[in-house]
N, C-alpha and C. Protein backbone atom coordinates (compact mmCIF):
# COMPACT_ATOMS: atom_id res chain seq x y z
N MET A 1 -21.52 13.28 -71.78
CA MET A 1 -21.58 14.38 -72.70
C MET A 1 -20.19 14.57 -73.30
N PHE A 2 -20.13 14.70 -74.63
CA PHE A 2 -18.86 14.82 -75.31
C PHE A 2 -18.86 16.02 -76.22
N ILE A 3 -17.73 16.65 -76.34
CA ILE A 3 -17.59 17.80 -77.23
C ILE A 3 -16.98 17.31 -78.53
N THR A 4 -17.60 17.64 -79.63
CA THR A 4 -17.05 17.26 -80.92
C THR A 4 -16.53 18.50 -81.61
N ARG A 5 -15.32 18.43 -82.10
CA ARG A 5 -14.71 19.58 -82.74
C ARG A 5 -15.30 19.87 -84.10
N SER A 6 -15.85 18.84 -84.74
CA SER A 6 -16.40 19.04 -86.08
C SER A 6 -17.63 19.96 -86.07
N SER A 7 -18.29 20.05 -84.93
CA SER A 7 -19.48 20.88 -84.86
C SER A 7 -19.23 22.17 -84.08
N GLY A 8 -18.01 22.63 -84.10
CA GLY A 8 -17.68 23.86 -83.39
C GLY A 8 -17.65 23.62 -81.90
N SER A 9 -18.34 24.45 -81.16
CA SER A 9 -18.33 24.30 -79.71
C SER A 9 -19.59 23.60 -79.20
N ALA A 10 -20.37 23.03 -80.10
CA ALA A 10 -21.60 22.36 -79.70
C ALA A 10 -21.29 21.08 -78.93
N THR A 11 -22.16 20.75 -78.00
CA THR A 11 -22.03 19.53 -77.22
C THR A 11 -23.21 18.64 -77.57
N ARG A 12 -22.89 17.35 -77.82
CA ARG A 12 -23.96 16.43 -78.16
C ARG A 12 -23.58 15.02 -77.74
N GLN A 13 -24.55 14.14 -77.72
CA GLN A 13 -24.31 12.75 -77.35
C GLN A 13 -23.63 12.02 -78.50
N PRO A 14 -22.73 11.08 -78.20
CA PRO A 14 -22.09 10.31 -79.26
C PRO A 14 -23.07 9.34 -79.90
N SER A 15 -22.78 8.91 -81.13
CA SER A 15 -23.62 7.92 -81.79
C SER A 15 -23.55 6.61 -81.01
N ALA A 16 -24.44 5.69 -81.31
CA ALA A 16 -24.51 4.42 -80.57
C ALA A 16 -23.21 3.64 -80.69
N LYS A 17 -22.63 3.58 -81.88
CA LYS A 17 -21.38 2.84 -82.06
C LYS A 17 -20.24 3.50 -81.30
N VAL A 18 -20.18 4.80 -81.34
CA VAL A 18 -19.12 5.53 -80.64
C VAL A 18 -19.29 5.37 -79.13
N ALA A 19 -20.52 5.44 -78.66
CA ALA A 19 -20.78 5.25 -77.23
C ALA A 19 -20.35 3.85 -76.80
N ARG A 20 -20.63 2.85 -77.61
CA ARG A 20 -20.22 1.47 -77.30
C ARG A 20 -18.69 1.36 -77.31
N ALA A 21 -18.05 1.99 -78.28
CA ALA A 21 -16.58 1.96 -78.34
C ALA A 21 -15.97 2.60 -77.10
N LEU A 22 -16.58 3.68 -76.62
CA LEU A 22 -16.08 4.34 -75.42
C LEU A 22 -16.28 3.46 -74.18
N GLU A 23 -17.38 2.73 -74.12
CA GLU A 23 -17.61 1.78 -73.01
C GLU A 23 -16.53 0.71 -73.02
N ILE A 24 -16.23 0.17 -74.21
CA ILE A 24 -15.21 -0.86 -74.33
C ILE A 24 -13.85 -0.29 -73.94
N HIS A 25 -13.58 0.93 -74.37
CA HIS A 25 -12.31 1.57 -74.03
C HIS A 25 -12.16 1.69 -72.52
N ARG A 26 -13.23 2.06 -71.82
CA ARG A 26 -13.19 2.15 -70.36
C ARG A 26 -12.88 0.78 -69.74
N SER A 27 -13.44 -0.27 -70.33
CA SER A 27 -13.18 -1.63 -69.84
C SER A 27 -11.72 -2.01 -70.06
N VAL A 28 -11.16 -1.64 -71.20
CA VAL A 28 -9.75 -1.92 -71.48
C VAL A 28 -8.87 -1.19 -70.46
N VAL A 29 -9.18 0.06 -70.20
CA VAL A 29 -8.40 0.84 -69.23
C VAL A 29 -8.51 0.20 -67.84
N ALA A 30 -9.71 -0.21 -67.46
CA ALA A 30 -9.91 -0.85 -66.16
C ALA A 30 -9.11 -2.15 -66.07
N CYS A 31 -9.09 -2.92 -67.13
CA CYS A 31 -8.31 -4.16 -67.14
C CYS A 31 -6.83 -3.85 -66.93
N HIS A 32 -6.33 -2.87 -67.65
CA HIS A 32 -4.91 -2.49 -67.49
C HIS A 32 -4.62 -2.07 -66.05
N GLU A 33 -5.54 -1.33 -65.44
CA GLU A 33 -5.34 -0.90 -64.06
C GLU A 33 -5.30 -2.08 -63.09
N HIS A 34 -6.22 -3.03 -63.28
CA HIS A 34 -6.24 -4.21 -62.41
C HIS A 34 -4.98 -5.05 -62.59
N ILE A 35 -4.54 -5.19 -63.82
CA ILE A 35 -3.32 -5.96 -64.08
C ILE A 35 -2.11 -5.25 -63.47
N ALA A 36 -2.05 -3.94 -63.62
CA ALA A 36 -0.92 -3.18 -63.08
C ALA A 36 -0.86 -3.27 -61.56
N ARG A 37 -2.02 -3.21 -60.92
CA ARG A 37 -2.05 -3.32 -59.46
C ARG A 37 -1.66 -4.72 -59.02
N GLY A 38 -2.29 -5.70 -59.65
CA GLY A 38 -1.97 -7.09 -59.39
C GLY A 38 -2.12 -7.56 -57.95
N SER A 39 -2.58 -6.71 -57.06
CA SER A 39 -2.66 -7.08 -55.65
C SER A 39 -3.80 -8.05 -55.38
N ASP A 40 -4.90 -7.87 -56.07
CA ASP A 40 -6.05 -8.77 -55.90
C ASP A 40 -5.99 -9.80 -57.02
N GLY A 41 -5.55 -10.98 -56.72
CA GLY A 41 -5.34 -12.02 -57.72
C GLY A 41 -6.55 -12.31 -58.58
N THR A 42 -7.74 -12.31 -57.99
CA THR A 42 -8.94 -12.64 -58.74
C THR A 42 -9.23 -11.60 -59.81
N HIS A 43 -9.19 -10.33 -59.43
CA HIS A 43 -9.48 -9.28 -60.40
C HIS A 43 -8.39 -9.18 -61.45
N ALA A 44 -7.15 -9.34 -61.05
CA ALA A 44 -6.04 -9.29 -62.01
C ALA A 44 -6.14 -10.44 -63.01
N LEU A 45 -6.49 -11.63 -62.52
CA LEU A 45 -6.64 -12.78 -63.41
C LEU A 45 -7.81 -12.56 -64.37
N SER A 46 -8.95 -12.11 -63.84
CA SER A 46 -10.11 -11.84 -64.71
C SER A 46 -9.77 -10.79 -65.75
N ALA A 47 -9.07 -9.74 -65.34
CA ALA A 47 -8.69 -8.68 -66.26
C ALA A 47 -7.76 -9.21 -67.35
N THR A 48 -6.83 -10.07 -66.95
CA THR A 48 -5.90 -10.66 -67.91
C THR A 48 -6.63 -11.50 -68.94
N LEU A 49 -7.65 -12.22 -68.50
CA LEU A 49 -8.42 -13.06 -69.42
C LEU A 49 -9.36 -12.25 -70.31
N MET A 50 -9.91 -11.17 -69.78
CA MET A 50 -10.90 -10.38 -70.52
C MET A 50 -10.27 -9.35 -71.46
N LEU A 51 -9.07 -8.89 -71.16
CA LEU A 51 -8.44 -7.84 -71.95
C LEU A 51 -8.39 -8.15 -73.45
N PRO A 52 -7.95 -9.33 -73.87
CA PRO A 52 -7.93 -9.61 -75.32
C PRO A 52 -9.32 -9.58 -75.95
N CYS A 53 -10.33 -9.99 -75.18
CA CYS A 53 -11.71 -9.96 -75.69
C CYS A 53 -12.16 -8.52 -75.93
N TYR A 54 -11.91 -7.66 -74.94
CA TYR A 54 -12.28 -6.25 -75.09
C TYR A 54 -11.51 -5.60 -76.24
N GLN A 55 -10.23 -5.92 -76.35
CA GLN A 55 -9.44 -5.33 -77.43
C GLN A 55 -9.95 -5.76 -78.80
N ALA A 56 -10.29 -7.03 -78.94
CA ALA A 56 -10.82 -7.53 -80.21
C ALA A 56 -12.17 -6.89 -80.53
N GLU A 57 -13.02 -6.76 -79.51
CA GLU A 57 -14.32 -6.13 -79.72
C GLU A 57 -14.16 -4.67 -80.14
N PHE A 58 -13.22 -3.96 -79.49
CA PHE A 58 -12.97 -2.57 -79.85
C PHE A 58 -12.45 -2.48 -81.28
N ARG A 59 -11.51 -3.35 -81.64
CA ARG A 59 -10.95 -3.35 -83.00
C ARG A 59 -12.04 -3.60 -84.04
N ASN A 60 -12.89 -4.60 -83.81
CA ASN A 60 -13.96 -4.91 -84.76
C ASN A 60 -14.95 -3.76 -84.89
N LEU A 61 -15.29 -3.16 -83.78
CA LEU A 61 -16.20 -2.03 -83.81
C LEU A 61 -15.57 -0.84 -84.52
N ALA A 62 -14.30 -0.59 -84.27
CA ALA A 62 -13.60 0.53 -84.92
C ALA A 62 -13.57 0.34 -86.43
N LEU A 63 -13.42 -0.89 -86.88
CA LEU A 63 -13.41 -1.17 -88.32
C LEU A 63 -14.78 -0.94 -88.96
N ALA A 64 -15.84 -1.03 -88.17
CA ALA A 64 -17.19 -0.86 -88.68
C ALA A 64 -17.68 0.59 -88.66
N LEU A 65 -16.87 1.50 -88.11
CA LEU A 65 -17.29 2.90 -88.01
C LEU A 65 -17.20 3.61 -89.35
N THR A 66 -18.11 4.54 -89.54
CA THR A 66 -18.02 5.42 -90.71
C THR A 66 -16.91 6.44 -90.43
N SER A 67 -16.53 7.20 -91.43
CA SER A 67 -15.48 8.20 -91.23
C SER A 67 -15.91 9.27 -90.21
N ASP A 68 -17.18 9.64 -90.24
CA ASP A 68 -17.67 10.61 -89.26
C ASP A 68 -17.63 10.04 -87.85
N GLU A 69 -18.00 8.76 -87.71
CA GLU A 69 -17.97 8.12 -86.39
C GLU A 69 -16.52 7.96 -85.91
N GLU A 70 -15.60 7.65 -86.83
CA GLU A 70 -14.18 7.55 -86.47
C GLU A 70 -13.69 8.88 -85.90
N ARG A 71 -14.02 9.94 -86.59
CA ARG A 71 -13.62 11.28 -86.15
C ARG A 71 -14.22 11.59 -84.77
N GLU A 72 -15.49 11.26 -84.61
CA GLU A 72 -16.18 11.49 -83.34
C GLU A 72 -15.49 10.70 -82.22
N LEU A 73 -15.12 9.45 -82.50
CA LEU A 73 -14.44 8.62 -81.50
C LEU A 73 -13.06 9.18 -81.17
N ARG A 74 -12.33 9.61 -82.17
CA ARG A 74 -11.00 10.18 -81.92
C ARG A 74 -11.09 11.42 -81.03
N TYR A 75 -12.03 12.28 -81.32
CA TYR A 75 -12.18 13.50 -80.51
C TYR A 75 -12.61 13.16 -79.08
N ALA A 76 -13.49 12.18 -78.94
CA ALA A 76 -13.94 11.77 -77.60
C ALA A 76 -12.77 11.16 -76.82
N LEU A 77 -11.95 10.34 -77.48
CA LEU A 77 -10.81 9.75 -76.80
C LEU A 77 -9.78 10.81 -76.47
N ASP A 78 -9.58 11.77 -77.35
CA ASP A 78 -8.68 12.89 -77.06
C ASP A 78 -9.15 13.63 -75.82
N ALA A 79 -10.46 13.88 -75.74
CA ALA A 79 -11.02 14.58 -74.58
C ALA A 79 -10.80 13.79 -73.30
N LEU A 80 -10.94 12.47 -73.36
CA LEU A 80 -10.70 11.63 -72.19
C LEU A 80 -9.23 11.70 -71.76
N CYS A 81 -8.34 11.67 -72.75
CA CYS A 81 -6.91 11.74 -72.45
C CYS A 81 -6.54 13.10 -71.86
N ASP A 82 -7.15 14.17 -72.39
CA ASP A 82 -6.88 15.51 -71.87
C ASP A 82 -7.34 15.62 -70.42
N CYS A 83 -8.47 14.98 -70.10
CA CYS A 83 -8.99 15.03 -68.73
C CYS A 83 -8.12 14.24 -67.77
N ALA A 84 -7.49 13.18 -68.27
CA ALA A 84 -6.66 12.31 -67.43
C ALA A 84 -5.34 12.96 -67.06
N VAL A 85 -4.91 13.94 -67.81
CA VAL A 85 -3.61 14.58 -67.56
C VAL A 85 -3.71 15.61 -66.52
């Protein structure tokens, strides 16, 4: 569940593209965490190999978003960053 600022205080599900972008973002974050830990060689190696793929997929998807979807993604990512702090 994500809060979008464009609709006031209403809560709604993200669009399919935005939901996919958020999934990819979580994968990118997970890859960074595995690489940073580096203790488990297999996971760190897999993360190192997969990270560029996830980043390219995120970039391509972001380029395909409409302006409303871009805004929705930005607000969702802001909310994730606020929760992480």
